Amino acid sequence: MKVTQKGQITIPKSFRDRYGLAHNTEVAFRAVQEGVLVYPVVSTRQQDFKRSLKRVRGIADQKIRTDDIMRMTRSDAARSDAARSDAE
């Protein structure tokens, strides 16, 4: 593999797939003892979301199935929609 005149390289598909380097993924570079490390940059928004999930993970105090949650959510949304329609 060679670096082009513009300083570009082609990352082999197997590496892109393995490390989640999809089209338009922002990457960063870090100098390491062995050479250069290329890694995907996680956006602040993604980091905040991941932190939020870690904070609430495992705190549910009731065992409830996903289907039940979806049913409750949908019925709440239907009631809200009906209330808005009545107000208009």
Protein backbone atom coordinates (compact mmCIF):
# COMPACT_ATOMS: atom_id res chain seq x y z
CA MET A 1 0.00 0.00 0.00
CA LYS A 2 1.29 3.47 -0.86
CA VAL A 3 0.46 6.96 0.28
CA THR A 4 -0.83 9.05 -2.64
CA GLN A 5 0.56 12.45 -3.64
CA LYS A 6 -2.29 14.02 -1.64
CA GLY A 7 -1.39 11.98 1.47
CA GLN A 8 -4.29 9.55 1.10
CA ILE A 9 -4.34 5.82 1.74
CA THR A 10 -6.95 3.14 1.15
CA ILE A 11 -7.96 1.28 4.27
CA PRO A 12 -8.68 -2.34 3.33
CA LYS A 13 -12.40 -3.25 3.49
CA SER A 14 -11.77 -5.98 6.07
CA PHE A 15 -10.33 -3.34 8.46
CA ARG A 16 -13.12 -0.84 7.70
CA ASP A 17 -15.73 -3.49 8.45
CA ARG A 18 -13.99 -4.78 11.55
CA TYR A 19 -13.46 -1.35 13.11
CA GLY A 20 -16.66 0.39 11.99
CA LEU A 21 -15.04 2.81 9.57
CA ALA A 22 -18.01 3.48 7.29
CA HIS A 23 -18.19 6.12 4.56
CA ASN A 24 -17.75 9.64 6.03
CA THR A 25 -16.60 8.31 9.43
CA GLU A 26 -14.41 10.92 11.07
CA VAL A 27 -11.06 9.47 12.14
CA ALA A 28 -8.19 10.66 14.30
CA PHE A 29 -4.53 9.75 14.30
CA ARG A 30 -2.24 9.05 17.24
CA ALA A 31 1.49 8.39 17.22
CA VAL A 32 2.29 5.11 18.96
CA GLN A 33 5.55 3.24 19.40
CA GLU A 34 4.77 0.94 16.45
CA GLY A 35 3.78 3.77 14.07
CA VAL A 36 0.43 5.51 13.57
CA LEU A 37 -2.89 4.51 15.09
CA VAL A 38 -6.03 5.45 13.14
CA TYR A 39 -9.31 5.32 15.07
CA PRO A 40 -12.90 6.53 14.66
CA VAL A 41 -13.84 9.72 16.48
CA VAL A 42 -16.93 9.38 18.64
CA SER A 43 -18.98 12.59 18.56
CA THR A 44 -19.81 14.43 21.76
CA ARG A 45 -23.47 13.62 21.19
CA GLN A 46 -22.68 9.90 20.95
CA GLN A 47 -20.50 10.09 24.06
CA ASP A 48 -23.27 11.84 26.01
CA PHE A 49 -25.78 9.22 24.91
CA LYS A 50 -23.48 6.35 25.90
CA ARG A 51 -22.84 7.97 29.30
CA SER A 52 -26.59 8.36 29.85
CA LEU A 53 -27.19 4.70 29.03
CA LYS A 54 -24.44 3.60 31.41
CA ARG A 55 -25.95 5.71 34.19
CA VAL A 56 -29.41 4.14 33.92
CA ARG A 57 -28.42 0.62 32.97
CA GLY A 58 -29.81 -1.97 35.34
CA ILE A 59 -31.90 0.39 37.47
CA ALA A 60 -35.32 -0.83 36.36
CA ASP A 61 -37.15 -2.05 39.43
CA GLN A 62 -39.90 -3.96 37.64
CA LYS A 63 -39.70 -6.77 35.19
CA ILE A 64 -41.65 -5.67 32.17
CA ARG A 65 -41.61 -6.95 28.62
CA THR A 66 -40.81 -4.75 25.64
CA ASP A 67 -44.22 -5.52 24.12
CA ASP A 68 -45.90 -4.21 27.27
CA ILE A 69 -43.83 -1.01 27.21
CA MET A 70 -44.71 -0.44 23.55
CA ARG A 71 -48.41 -1.01 24.28
CA MET A 72 -48.35 1.49 27.17
CA THR A 73 -46.42 4.05 25.14
CA ARG A 74 -48.77 3.78 22.21
CA SER A 75 -51.87 4.07 24.37
CA ASP A 76 -50.40 7.18 26.09
CA ALA A 77 -49.67 8.71 22.68
CA ALA A 78 -53.19 7.91 21.47
CA ARG A 79 -54.70 9.59 24.56
CA SER A 80 -52.50 12.68 24.02
CA ASP A 81 -53.53 12.88 20.37
CA ALA A 82 -57.20 12.57 21.32
CA ALA A 83 -56.87 15.30 23.96
CA ARG A 84 -55.23 17.64 21.43
CA SER A 85 -58.00 16.96 18.91
CA ASP A 86 -60.67 17.72 21.53
CA ALA A 87 -58.95 21.01 22.43
CA GLU A 88 -58.97 22.17 18.81
